[in-house]
Amino acid sequence: MNRMVAYCGIVCTDCPAYIATQADDRAALERVAVQWREEFNLPEITVESVICDGCLASNGARLSGYCSTCAIRACGVERGVGNCAHCAEYSCDKLDGFLSHVPDAQRVLEEIRQSL
């Protein structure tokens, strides 16, 4: 499987929601929903809200709850970039605020940026 890096630098293909969705594994999706409800203190997370085909999936793809409304993703789609590492305005305030909480994603984007 090819690695899919979201606009924000999260590796979609490493995400348990993406993996379970692609495997059509309902039990794994249920485990992800339980884990995320506890981890993020969001009791409203359902199995349906964690189904995800990945941030870069084309129109009609299923996106998990947050990803479907993500401002970083919307910006990347609007700009037509592969991910934020490819953006001429990298790194912006919107992305920096997110990356301060997800240092692994920042490392991924920096690696991509260095390879350009």
N, C-alpha and C. Protein backbone atom coordinates (compact mmCIF):
# COMPACT_ATOMS: atom_id res chain seq x y z
N MET A 1 0.85 -1.17 0.00
CA MET A 1 0.00 0.00 0.00
C MET A 1 0.90 1.24 0.00
N ASN A 2 0.55 2.20 -0.86
CA ASN A 2 1.29 3.45 -0.90
C ASN A 2 0.97 4.29 0.33
N ARG A 3 1.94 5.02 0.80
CA ARG A 3 1.76 5.89 1.96
C ARG A 3 0.96 7.12 1.54
N MET A 4 -0.09 7.42 2.29
CA MET A 4 -0.91 8.61 2.05
C MET A 4 -0.66 9.57 3.21
N VAL A 5 -0.11 10.74 2.88
CA VAL A 5 0.15 11.76 3.89
C VAL A 5 -0.90 12.85 3.74
N ALA A 6 -1.64 13.09 4.80
CA ALA A 6 -2.67 14.12 4.80
C ALA A 6 -2.05 15.50 4.64
N TYR A 7 -2.87 16.48 4.34
CA TYR A 7 -2.37 17.85 4.19
C TYR A 7 -1.59 18.29 5.41
N CYS A 8 -2.03 17.89 6.59
CA CYS A 8 -1.43 18.31 7.85
C CYS A 8 -0.20 17.51 8.24
N GLY A 9 0.10 16.44 7.53
CA GLY A 9 1.27 15.63 7.84
C GLY A 9 0.98 14.32 8.54
N ILE A 10 -0.25 14.11 8.97
CA ILE A 10 -0.61 12.81 9.54
C ILE A 10 -0.56 11.78 8.42
N VAL A 11 -0.02 10.62 8.71
CA VAL A 11 0.06 9.56 7.70
C VAL A 11 -1.25 8.75 7.77
N CYS A 12 -2.14 9.03 6.83
CA CYS A 12 -3.46 8.38 6.82
C CYS A 12 -3.33 6.86 6.81
N THR A 13 -2.39 6.37 6.03
CA THR A 13 -2.25 4.92 5.87
C THR A 13 -1.74 4.23 7.13
N ASP A 14 -1.32 4.99 8.13
CA ASP A 14 -0.94 4.43 9.43
C ASP A 14 -2.07 4.56 10.46
N CYS A 15 -3.12 5.28 10.12
CA CYS A 15 -4.22 5.56 11.05
C CYS A 15 -5.10 4.32 11.21
N PRO A 16 -5.43 3.96 12.44
CA PRO A 16 -6.26 2.77 12.66
C PRO A 16 -7.65 2.89 12.04
N ALA A 17 -8.20 4.09 11.94
CA ALA A 17 -9.51 4.26 11.31
C ALA A 17 -9.42 3.98 9.82
N TYR A 18 -8.38 4.50 9.19
CA TYR A 18 -8.17 4.26 7.76
C TYR A 18 -7.94 2.77 7.50
N ILE A 19 -7.09 2.16 8.29
CA ILE A 19 -6.76 0.74 8.11
C ILE A 19 -8.02 -0.12 8.25
N ALA A 20 -8.81 0.15 9.28
CA ALA A 20 -10.03 -0.63 9.51
C ALA A 20 -11.05 -0.39 8.40
N THR A 21 -11.15 0.85 7.93
CA THR A 21 -12.08 1.16 6.85
C THR A 21 -11.70 0.40 5.59
N GLN A 22 -10.42 0.46 5.24
CA GLN A 22 -9.98 -0.20 4.01
C GLN A 22 -10.13 -1.72 4.08
N ALA A 23 -10.03 -2.27 5.28
CA ALA A 23 -10.19 -3.72 5.48
C ALA A 23 -11.66 -4.10 5.63
N ASP A 24 -12.54 -3.11 5.67
CA ASP A 24 -13.97 -3.32 5.92
C ASP A 24 -14.17 -4.16 7.18
N ASP A 25 -13.43 -3.76 8.23
CA ASP A 25 -13.41 -4.50 9.50
C ASP A 25 -14.24 -3.73 10.54
N ARG A 26 -15.49 -4.08 10.65
CA ARG A 26 -16.42 -3.40 11.56
C ARG A 26 -15.96 -3.49 13.02
N ALA A 27 -15.44 -4.65 13.42
CA ALA A 27 -14.98 -4.81 14.81
C ALA A 27 -13.81 -3.86 15.10
N ALA A 28 -12.90 -3.72 14.16
CA ALA A 28 -11.78 -2.80 14.36
C ALA A 28 -12.27 -1.36 14.40
N LEU A 29 -13.25 -1.01 13.57
CA LEU A 29 -13.82 0.34 13.61
C LEU A 29 -14.47 0.61 14.96
N GLU A 30 -15.12 -0.39 15.51
CA GLU A 30 -15.73 -0.23 16.84
C GLU A 30 -14.66 0.01 17.90
N ARG A 31 -13.54 -0.70 17.80
CA ARG A 31 -12.44 -0.49 18.75
C ARG A 31 -11.87 0.92 18.62
N VAL A 32 -11.72 1.40 17.39
CA VAL A 32 -11.22 2.76 17.18
C VAL A 32 -12.18 3.77 17.79
N ALA A 33 -13.47 3.59 17.56
CA ALA A 33 -14.46 4.52 18.12
C ALA A 33 -14.37 4.55 19.64
N VAL A 34 -14.27 3.40 20.27
CA VAL A 34 -14.15 3.33 21.74
C VAL A 34 -12.89 4.04 22.20
N GLN A 35 -11.78 3.74 21.54
CA GLN A 35 -10.49 4.35 21.92
C GLN A 35 -10.56 5.87 21.78
N TRP A 36 -11.07 6.37 20.68
CA TRP A 36 -11.12 7.80 20.44
C TRP A 36 -12.11 8.51 21.36
N ARG A 37 -13.22 7.84 21.69
CA ARG A 37 -14.16 8.44 22.65
C ARG A 37 -13.45 8.72 23.96
N GLU A 38 -12.64 7.75 24.42
CA GLU A 38 -11.92 7.90 25.68
C GLU A 38 -10.73 8.85 25.54
N GLU A 39 -9.92 8.65 24.50
CA GLU A 39 -8.70 9.43 24.31
C GLU A 39 -8.97 10.92 24.12
N PHE A 40 -10.02 11.24 23.38
CA PHE A 40 -10.32 12.63 23.07
C PHE A 40 -11.50 13.18 23.88
N ASN A 41 -12.00 12.36 24.81
CA ASN A 41 -13.14 12.75 25.66
C ASN A 41 -14.31 13.27 24.81
N LEU A 42 -14.66 12.48 23.80
CA LEU A 42 -15.75 12.83 22.89
C LEU A 42 -16.74 11.67 22.84
N PRO A 43 -17.68 11.65 23.78
CA PRO A 43 -18.62 10.53 23.86
C PRO A 43 -19.50 10.36 22.63
N GLU A 44 -19.58 11.38 21.78
CA GLU A 44 -20.45 11.30 20.61
C GLU A 44 -19.83 10.56 19.42
N ILE A 45 -18.56 10.16 19.53
CA ILE A 45 -17.92 9.43 18.43
C ILE A 45 -18.60 8.08 18.24
N THR A 46 -18.98 7.82 16.99
CA THR A 46 -19.63 6.56 16.63
C THR A 46 -18.75 5.82 15.63
N VAL A 47 -19.10 4.59 15.37
CA VAL A 47 -18.38 3.81 14.36
C VAL A 47 -18.47 4.53 13.02
N GLU A 48 -19.64 5.03 12.68
CA GLU A 48 -19.81 5.72 11.40
C GLU A 48 -18.94 6.96 11.29
N SER A 49 -18.68 7.61 12.41
CA SER A 49 -17.89 8.84 12.36
C SER A 49 -16.39 8.60 12.28
N VAL A 50 -15.94 7.35 12.39
CA VAL A 50 -14.51 7.06 12.24
C VAL A 50 -14.19 6.41 10.91
N ILE A 51 -15.21 6.10 10.12
CA ILE A 51 -14.97 5.52 8.79
C ILE A 51 -14.26 6.56 7.94
N CYS A 52 -13.14 6.16 7.32
CA CYS A 52 -12.34 7.15 6.59
C CYS A 52 -11.54 6.49 5.47
N ASP A 53 -11.59 7.14 4.29
CA ASP A 53 -10.80 6.70 3.14
C ASP A 53 -9.53 7.51 2.98
N GLY A 54 -9.24 8.38 3.92
CA GLY A 54 -8.01 9.16 3.89
C GLY A 54 -8.23 10.57 3.36
N CYS A 55 -7.45 11.46 3.87
CA CYS A 55 -7.57 12.89 3.60
C CYS A 55 -7.47 13.23 2.12
N LEU A 56 -6.66 12.50 1.38
CA LEU A 56 -6.43 12.84 -0.02
C LEU A 56 -7.35 12.09 -0.97
N ALA A 57 -8.27 11.32 -0.43
CA ALA A 57 -9.18 10.56 -1.27
C ALA A 57 -10.03 11.52 -2.10
N SER A 58 -10.45 11.06 -3.25
CA SER A 58 -11.18 11.92 -4.18
C SER A 58 -12.63 12.14 -3.75
N ASN A 59 -13.31 12.96 -4.51
CA ASN A 59 -14.71 13.29 -4.21
C ASN A 59 -15.53 12.02 -4.00
N GLY A 60 -16.45 12.09 -3.05
CA GLY A 60 -17.28 10.94 -2.74
C GLY A 60 -16.67 10.01 -1.72
N ALA A 61 -15.44 10.29 -1.33
CA ALA A 61 -14.76 9.46 -0.33
C ALA A 61 -15.36 9.71 1.04
N ARG A 62 -15.21 8.73 1.90
CA ARG A 62 -15.67 8.86 3.27
C ARG A 62 -14.54 9.44 4.11
N LEU A 63 -14.84 10.47 4.88
CA LEU A 63 -13.86 11.10 5.76
C LEU A 63 -14.37 11.02 7.19
N SER A 64 -13.45 10.76 8.12
CA SER A 64 -13.85 10.70 9.53
C SER A 64 -14.40 12.05 9.96
N GLY A 65 -15.10 12.05 11.08
CA GLY A 65 -15.79 13.24 11.56
C GLY A 65 -14.99 14.51 11.48
N TYR A 66 -13.85 14.56 12.11
CA TYR A 66 -13.07 15.80 12.13
C TYR A 66 -12.50 16.11 10.76
N CYS A 67 -12.00 15.11 10.08
CA CYS A 67 -11.36 15.34 8.78
C CYS A 67 -12.31 15.96 7.77
N SER A 68 -13.59 15.64 7.88
CA SER A 68 -14.55 16.17 6.92
C SER A 68 -14.76 17.68 7.08
N THR A 69 -14.38 18.24 8.23
CA THR A 69 -14.54 19.67 8.47
C THR A 69 -13.22 20.39 8.71
N CYS A 70 -12.12 19.71 8.51
CA CYS A 70 -10.79 20.25 8.82
C CYS A 70 -10.43 21.45 7.94
N ALA A 71 -10.10 22.55 8.58
CA ALA A 71 -9.74 23.78 7.85
C ALA A 71 -8.42 23.62 7.11
N ILE A 72 -7.50 22.85 7.64
CA ILE A 72 -6.22 22.61 6.97
C ILE A 72 -6.46 21.83 5.68
N ARG A 73 -7.29 20.80 5.76
CA ARG A 73 -7.63 20.01 4.57
C ARG A 73 -8.32 20.90 3.54
N ALA A 74 -9.28 21.70 3.97
CA ALA A 74 -10.01 22.58 3.04
C ALA A 74 -9.04 23.53 2.33
N CYS A 75 -8.09 24.06 3.04
CA CYS A 75 -7.10 24.97 2.47
C CYS A 75 -6.24 24.23 1.44
N GLY A 76 -5.77 23.04 1.79
CA GLY A 76 -4.95 22.25 0.87
C GLY A 76 -5.70 21.89 -0.40
N VAL A 77 -6.96 21.52 -0.26
CA VAL A 77 -7.79 21.20 -1.43
C VAL A 77 -7.93 22.44 -2.31
N GLU A 78 -8.23 23.57 -1.67
CA GLU A 78 -8.40 24.83 -2.41
C GLU A 78 -7.14 25.22 -3.16
N ARG A 79 -5.99 25.01 -2.53
CA ARG A 79 -4.72 25.39 -3.16
C ARG A 79 -4.21 24.34 -4.14
N GLY A 80 -4.78 23.15 -4.10
CA GLY A 80 -4.38 22.10 -5.03
C GLY A 80 -2.99 21.53 -4.78
N VAL A 81 -2.58 21.51 -3.51
CA VAL A 81 -1.26 20.97 -3.17
C VAL A 81 -1.39 19.51 -2.71
N GLY A 82 -0.31 18.75 -2.83
CA GLY A 82 -0.32 17.36 -2.38
C GLY A 82 -0.49 17.25 -0.88
N ASN A 83 0.15 18.15 -0.16
CA ASN A 83 -0.01 18.35 1.28
C ASN A 83 0.66 19.67 1.61
N CYS A 84 0.60 20.07 2.86
CA CYS A 84 1.08 21.40 3.23
C CYS A 84 2.57 21.60 2.97
N ALA A 85 3.35 20.54 2.93
CA ALA A 85 4.79 20.67 2.66
C ALA A 85 5.02 21.25 1.26
N HIS A 86 4.06 21.07 0.36
CA HIS A 86 4.18 21.55 -1.01
C HIS A 86 3.67 22.98 -1.18
N CYS A 87 3.14 23.56 -0.14
CA CYS A 87 2.54 24.89 -0.23
C CYS A 87 3.60 25.98 -0.20
N ALA A 88 3.43 26.99 -1.04
CA ALA A 88 4.36 28.12 -1.08
C ALA A 88 4.34 28.91 0.22
N GLU A 89 3.25 28.83 0.97
CA GLU A 89 3.13 29.57 2.23
C GLU A 89 3.41 28.70 3.45
N TYR A 90 4.04 27.55 3.26
CA TYR A 90 4.39 26.68 4.38
C TYR A 90 5.38 27.41 5.26
N SER A 91 5.23 27.45 6.48
CA SER A 91 4.20 26.96 7.34
C SER A 91 3.38 28.14 7.84
N CYS A 92 2.08 27.99 7.89
CA CYS A 92 1.19 29.09 8.26
C CYS A 92 0.71 28.94 9.71
N ASP A 93 0.04 29.96 10.19
CA ASP A 93 -0.46 29.94 11.57
C ASP A 93 -1.44 28.80 11.81
N LYS A 94 -2.31 28.55 10.83
CA LYS A 94 -3.31 27.49 10.96
C LYS A 94 -2.61 26.13 11.15
N LEU A 95 -1.62 25.87 10.33
CA LEU A 95 -0.90 24.61 10.40
C LEU A 95 -0.04 24.55 11.67
N ASP A 96 0.64 25.63 12.00
CA ASP A 96 1.51 25.65 13.18
C ASP A 96 0.74 25.35 14.46
N GLY A 97 -0.47 25.89 14.57
CA GLY A 97 -1.29 25.62 15.76
C GLY A 97 -1.59 24.14 15.89
N PHE A 98 -1.89 23.49 14.78
CA PHE A 98 -2.15 22.06 14.79
C PHE A 98 -0.88 21.27 15.10
N LEU A 99 0.22 21.61 14.43
CA LEU A 99 1.46 20.85 14.58
C LEU A 99 2.04 20.94 15.99
N SER A 100 1.69 21.98 16.72
CA SER A 100 2.19 22.09 18.09
C SER A 100 1.66 20.94 18.95
N HIS A 101 0.56 20.31 18.51
CA HIS A 101 -0.03 19.18 19.24
C HIS A 101 0.33 17.83 18.62
N VAL A 102 0.88 17.86 17.40
CA VAL A 102 1.16 16.61 16.68
C VAL A 102 2.57 16.68 16.08
N PRO A 103 3.60 16.55 16.92
CA PRO A 103 4.97 16.70 16.42
C PRO A 103 5.37 15.66 15.37
N ASP A 104 4.78 14.47 15.41
CA ASP A 104 5.10 13.46 14.39
C ASP A 104 4.68 13.95 13.01
N ALA A 105 3.56 14.62 12.92
CA ALA A 105 3.09 15.15 11.64
C ALA A 105 4.04 16.23 11.14
N GLN A 106 4.54 17.03 12.04
CA GLN A 106 5.49 18.07 11.65
C GLN A 106 6.76 17.44 11.08
N ARG A 107 7.24 16.38 11.71
CA ARG A 107 8.44 15.69 11.20
C ARG A 107 8.20 15.15 9.79
N VAL A 108 7.02 14.60 9.56
CA VAL A 108 6.69 14.07 8.23
C VAL A 108 6.72 15.19 7.20
N LEU A 109 6.07 16.31 7.51
CA LEU A 109 6.05 17.43 6.56
C LEU A 109 7.46 17.98 6.32
N GLU A 110 8.25 18.07 7.37
CA GLU A 110 9.63 18.56 7.20
C GLU A 110 10.45 17.63 6.32
N GLU A 111 10.28 16.33 6.47
CA GLU A 111 10.98 15.36 5.61
C GLU A 111 10.57 15.54 4.15
N ILE A 112 9.29 15.71 3.91
CA ILE A 112 8.80 15.92 2.55
C ILE A 112 9.36 17.23 2.01
N ARG A 113 9.31 18.25 2.80
CA ARG A 113 9.78 19.58 2.39
C ARG A 113 11.26 19.54 1.98
N GLN A 114 12.06 18.80 2.76
CA GLN A 114 13.48 18.69 2.47
C GLN A 114 13.75 17.92 1.18
N SER A 115 12.82 17.05 0.80
CA SER A 115 13.03 16.25 -0.40
C SER A 115 12.57 16.96 -1.68
N LEU A 116 11.93 18.13 -1.53
CA LEU A 116 11.42 18.85 -2.70
C LEU A 116 12.52 19.61 -3.42
